[in-house]
């Protein structure tokens, strides 16, 4: 039996949000024979996937992201201790043979947003698009630095690269895995909360 890793943050009313985003709120109701809970969420609450329309403002919504980009081999790269932005030099010798990349920066908010999180540089984003990466995830709340220009998002999303943000990689070591990252099928929206799971590359289903 192989090991599965749920790298999705728990989504609750205590989940930290990017400043200006909608705070999650749950509204449980006892309807007698059953319970029914209303939800107030952002499309980018908790662990989530950005659609191209998030920054490109086009019709490429989250429900149109191809499943082939969201399921398959991926590589976790441990960048703990890298200051500021992840550069091209931090990645160029570590992504050969990979098509999906997850960046482990050691981010852990413990219930509070910290604007000094580690992000991806524009040059590193450009290198990824040139090297055939089809999906990139990060444990920070955004792939882009706080008060960024949006150029990192536009470079990745404009080249069809799936962006997954605010992963929980705390229990995952650097290495190659299989990934399943599924957003809700929200028609026409710019993103969606997602459940993201890794499992060993050698998993045979038994």
Protein backbone atom coordinates (compact mmCIF):
# COMPACT_ATOMS: atom_id res chain seq x y z
CA UNK A 1 0.00 0.00 0.00
CA UNK A 2 1.56 3.26 -1.11
CA UNK A 3 1.42 6.52 0.80
CA UNK A 4 -0.94 9.31 -0.15
CA UNK A 5 -0.28 12.93 0.83
CA UNK A 6 -3.17 15.36 1.10
CA UNK A 7 -1.45 18.66 0.39
CA UNK A 8 -4.65 20.68 0.72
CA UNK A 9 -4.98 23.14 3.59
CA UNK A 10 -8.02 22.73 5.76
CA UNK A 11 -10.58 25.33 4.74
CA UNK A 12 -12.35 26.97 7.67
CA UNK A 13 -13.37 30.35 8.97
CA UNK A 14 -9.85 30.59 10.41
CA UNK A 15 -8.12 30.13 7.04
CA UNK A 16 -5.92 33.18 6.36
CA UNK A 17 -6.86 35.13 3.25
CA UNK A 18 -4.98 37.42 0.91
CA UNK A 19 -5.74 41.02 1.93
CA UNK A 20 -8.88 42.19 0.20
CA UNK A 21 -10.15 38.68 -0.50
CA UNK A 22 -13.45 37.37 0.86
CA UNK A 23 -13.14 35.69 4.24
CA UNK A 24 -14.64 32.19 4.42
CA UNK A 25 -17.87 32.01 6.38
CA UNK A 26 -20.06 28.97 7.04
CA UNK A 27 -23.76 29.17 7.85
CA UNK A 28 -25.00 25.81 9.22
CA UNK A 29 -28.74 25.31 9.54
CA UNK A 30 -30.60 22.51 11.26
CA UNK A 31 -33.50 21.69 8.94
CA UNK A 32 -34.96 19.02 11.18
CA UNK A 33 -34.24 15.78 9.37
CA UNK A 34 -30.95 17.04 7.94
CA UNK A 35 -28.28 19.72 8.23
CA UNK A 36 -27.62 22.23 5.47
CA UNK A 37 -24.68 24.65 5.44
CA UNK A 38 -24.41 27.78 3.35
CA UNK A 39 -20.94 28.88 2.25
CA UNK A 40 -19.38 32.27 1.67
CA UNK A 41 -16.08 31.80 -0.16
CA UNK A 42 -13.79 33.38 -2.68
CA UNK A 43 -12.84 31.41 -5.78
CA UNK A 44 -9.32 31.72 -4.33
CA UNK A 45 -10.01 30.62 -0.74
CA UNK A 46 -7.52 28.22 0.81
CA UNK A 47 -5.67 25.85 -1.51
CA UNK A 48 -6.86 26.88 -4.96
CA UNK A 49 -6.24 26.88 -8.69
CA UNK A 50 -6.02 30.06 -10.77
CA UNK A 51 -7.68 30.07 -14.17
CA UNK A 52 -6.11 32.08 -17.02
CA UNK A 53 -9.05 34.49 -16.77
CA UNK A 54 -7.88 35.48 -13.27
CA UNK A 55 -5.28 37.81 -14.79
CA UNK A 56 -5.84 37.67 -18.54
CA UNK A 57 -9.54 38.57 -18.23
CA UNK A 58 -10.50 36.25 -21.09
CA UNK A 59 -12.94 33.35 -21.38
CA UNK A 60 -10.43 30.71 -20.23
CA UNK A 61 -12.22 29.93 -16.97
CA UNK A 62 -11.39 27.29 -14.37
CA UNK A 63 -13.89 24.79 -15.78
CA UNK A 64 -11.97 24.82 -19.06
CA UNK A 65 -8.59 23.79 -17.64
CA UNK A 66 -7.76 20.41 -19.23
CA UNK A 67 -7.66 17.47 -16.83
CA UNK A 68 -4.42 16.32 -18.48
CA UNK A 69 -2.66 19.30 -16.90
CA UNK A 70 -4.07 18.55 -13.44
CA UNK A 71 -3.31 14.83 -13.20
CA UNK A 72 0.05 13.13 -13.67
CA UNK A 73 3.71 13.10 -12.62
CA UNK A 74 5.03 16.05 -10.65
CA UNK A 75 8.20 17.06 -8.86
CA UNK A 76 8.41 18.68 -5.44
CA UNK A 77 11.42 21.00 -5.14
CA UNK A 78 12.49 22.03 -1.66
CA UNK A 79 13.45 25.71 -1.64
CA UNK A 80 13.23 26.23 2.10
CA UNK A 81 15.53 29.05 3.10
CA UNK A 82 15.53 30.79 -0.28
CA UNK A 83 15.07 34.50 0.50
CA UNK A 84 12.55 36.68 -1.27
CA UNK A 85 11.92 35.38 -4.78
CA UNK A 86 12.74 32.01 -6.31
CA UNK A 87 15.13 32.77 -9.15
CA UNK A 88 15.91 31.07 -12.42
CA UNK A 89 19.21 29.87 -10.91
CA UNK A 90 17.34 28.20 -8.04
CA UNK A 91 15.45 26.01 -10.52
CA UNK A 92 17.33 25.62 -13.78
CA UNK A 93 19.24 22.46 -12.80
CA UNK A 94 16.33 20.86 -10.94
CA UNK A 95 13.44 20.71 -13.37
CA UNK A 96 14.85 18.60 -16.20
CA UNK A 97 12.42 15.83 -17.09
CA UNK A 98 9.55 17.35 -15.10
CA UNK A 99 6.32 18.80 -16.47
CA UNK A 100 4.59 19.71 -13.19
CA UNK A 101 6.50 21.51 -10.43
CA UNK A 102 5.54 22.13 -6.80
CA UNK A 103 7.66 24.65 -4.90
CA UNK A 104 8.17 23.99 -1.21
CA UNK A 105 9.28 27.25 0.38
CA UNK A 106 8.54 26.41 4.00
CA UNK A 107 5.63 28.84 4.16
CA UNK A 108 3.48 28.31 7.25
CA UNK A 109 1.13 31.09 8.26
CA UNK A 110 -0.31 29.43 11.38
CA UNK A 111 -3.58 31.30 10.91
CA UNK A 112 -2.09 34.70 10.06
CA UNK A 113 -1.23 36.21 6.68
CA UNK A 114 2.42 37.21 6.29
CA UNK A 115 3.22 39.50 3.32
CA UNK A 116 6.89 38.43 3.36
CA UNK A 117 6.18 35.04 1.79
CA UNK A 118 8.52 33.57 -0.85
CA UNK A 119 7.32 33.93 -4.44
CA UNK A 120 8.45 33.20 -7.99
CA UNK A 121 10.45 35.69 -10.04
CA UNK A 122 9.44 36.71 -13.56
CA UNK A 123 12.63 35.21 -14.99
CA UNK A 124 11.92 31.87 -13.32
CA UNK A 125 8.36 31.94 -14.66
CA UNK A 126 9.66 32.64 -18.16
CA UNK A 127 12.14 29.77 -17.89
CA UNK A 128 9.34 27.40 -16.87
CA UNK A 129 7.26 28.35 -19.89
CA UNK A 130 10.29 27.85 -22.14
CA UNK A 131 11.05 24.44 -20.59
CA UNK A 132 7.60 22.98 -21.17
CA UNK A 133 6.20 23.08 -17.63
CA UNK A 134 2.41 22.66 -17.70
CA UNK A 135 1.59 23.19 -14.01
CA UNK A 136 3.30 24.93 -11.11
CA UNK A 137 2.23 25.03 -7.48
CA UNK A 138 3.56 26.77 -4.39
CA UNK A 139 2.90 26.66 -0.64
CA UNK A 140 2.75 30.46 -0.47
CA UNK A 141 -0.63 32.23 -0.77
CA UNK A 142 0.39 33.51 -4.20
CA UNK A 143 2.91 32.58 -6.88
CA UNK A 144 3.65 36.31 -7.07
CA UNK A 145 5.16 38.60 -4.47
CA UNK A 146 2.91 40.80 -2.35
CA UNK A 147 2.03 43.96 -4.30
CA UNK A 148 3.45 42.33 -7.44
CA UNK A 149 2.78 43.67 -10.93
CA UNK A 150 0.93 40.57 -12.12
CA UNK A 151 3.68 39.75 -14.61
CA UNK A 152 4.40 36.35 -13.04
CA UNK A 153 0.75 35.33 -13.29
CA UNK A 154 0.46 36.66 -16.84
CA UNK A 155 3.61 34.84 -17.95
CA UNK A 156 2.45 31.51 -16.57
CA UNK A 157 -1.27 31.72 -17.31
CA UNK A 158 -0.63 33.26 -20.71
CA UNK A 159 1.39 30.19 -21.68
CA UNK A 160 -1.30 27.80 -20.47
CA UNK A 161 0.52 26.83 -17.27
CA UNK A 162 -1.81 25.85 -14.43
CA UNK A 163 -1.14 27.79 -11.22
CA UNK A 164 -1.89 26.17 -7.84
CA UNK A 165 -1.46 28.28 -4.71
CA UNK A 166 -1.35 27.85 -0.94
CA UNK A 167 -0.46 24.16 -0.85
CA UNK A 168 0.48 22.33 2.35
CA UNK A 169 3.83 20.72 1.57
CA UNK A 170 5.00 20.54 5.18
CA UNK A 171 4.88 16.73 5.28
CA UNK A 172 6.24 16.10 1.78
CA UNK A 173 9.90 15.58 0.95
CA UNK A 174 11.59 16.69 -2.26
CA UNK A 175 11.13 14.15 -5.01
CA UNK A 176 8.91 12.84 -7.78
CA UNK A 177 5.26 11.94 -7.20
CA UNK A 178 1.96 11.57 -8.98
CA UNK A 179 -0.45 14.47 -8.53
CA UNK A 180 -4.22 14.86 -8.67
CA UNK A 181 -5.35 18.51 -8.43
CA UNK A 182 -9.06 19.01 -9.01
CA UNK A 183 -10.87 22.35 -8.84
CA UNK A 184 -14.63 22.56 -8.59
CA UNK A 185 -16.25 22.73 -12.02
CA UNK A 186 -17.35 26.34 -11.60
CA UNK A 187 -18.59 27.59 -14.94
CA UNK A 188 -17.01 30.81 -16.11
CA UNK A 189 -15.07 31.58 -12.90
CA UNK A 190 -11.50 32.80 -12.52
CA UNK A 191 -10.45 30.13 -10.03
CA UNK A 192 -11.63 27.53 -7.57
CA UNK A 193 -10.75 25.95 -4.24
CA UNK A 194 -9.17 22.59 -4.98
CA UNK A 195 -8.32 19.26 -3.36
CA UNK A 196 -4.73 18.36 -4.22
CA UNK A 197 -3.25 14.94 -3.49
CA UNK A 198 0.16 13.39 -4.12
CA UNK A 199 1.05 9.71 -4.12
CA UNK A 200 4.17 7.71 -4.80
CA UNK A 201 5.14 7.42 -8.45
CA UNK A 202 5.23 3.65 -8.17
CA UNK A 203 1.62 3.31 -7.01
CA UNK A 204 0.03 0.29 -8.68
CA UNK A 205 -3.50 0.58 -7.30
CA UNK A 206 -3.18 -2.32 -4.80
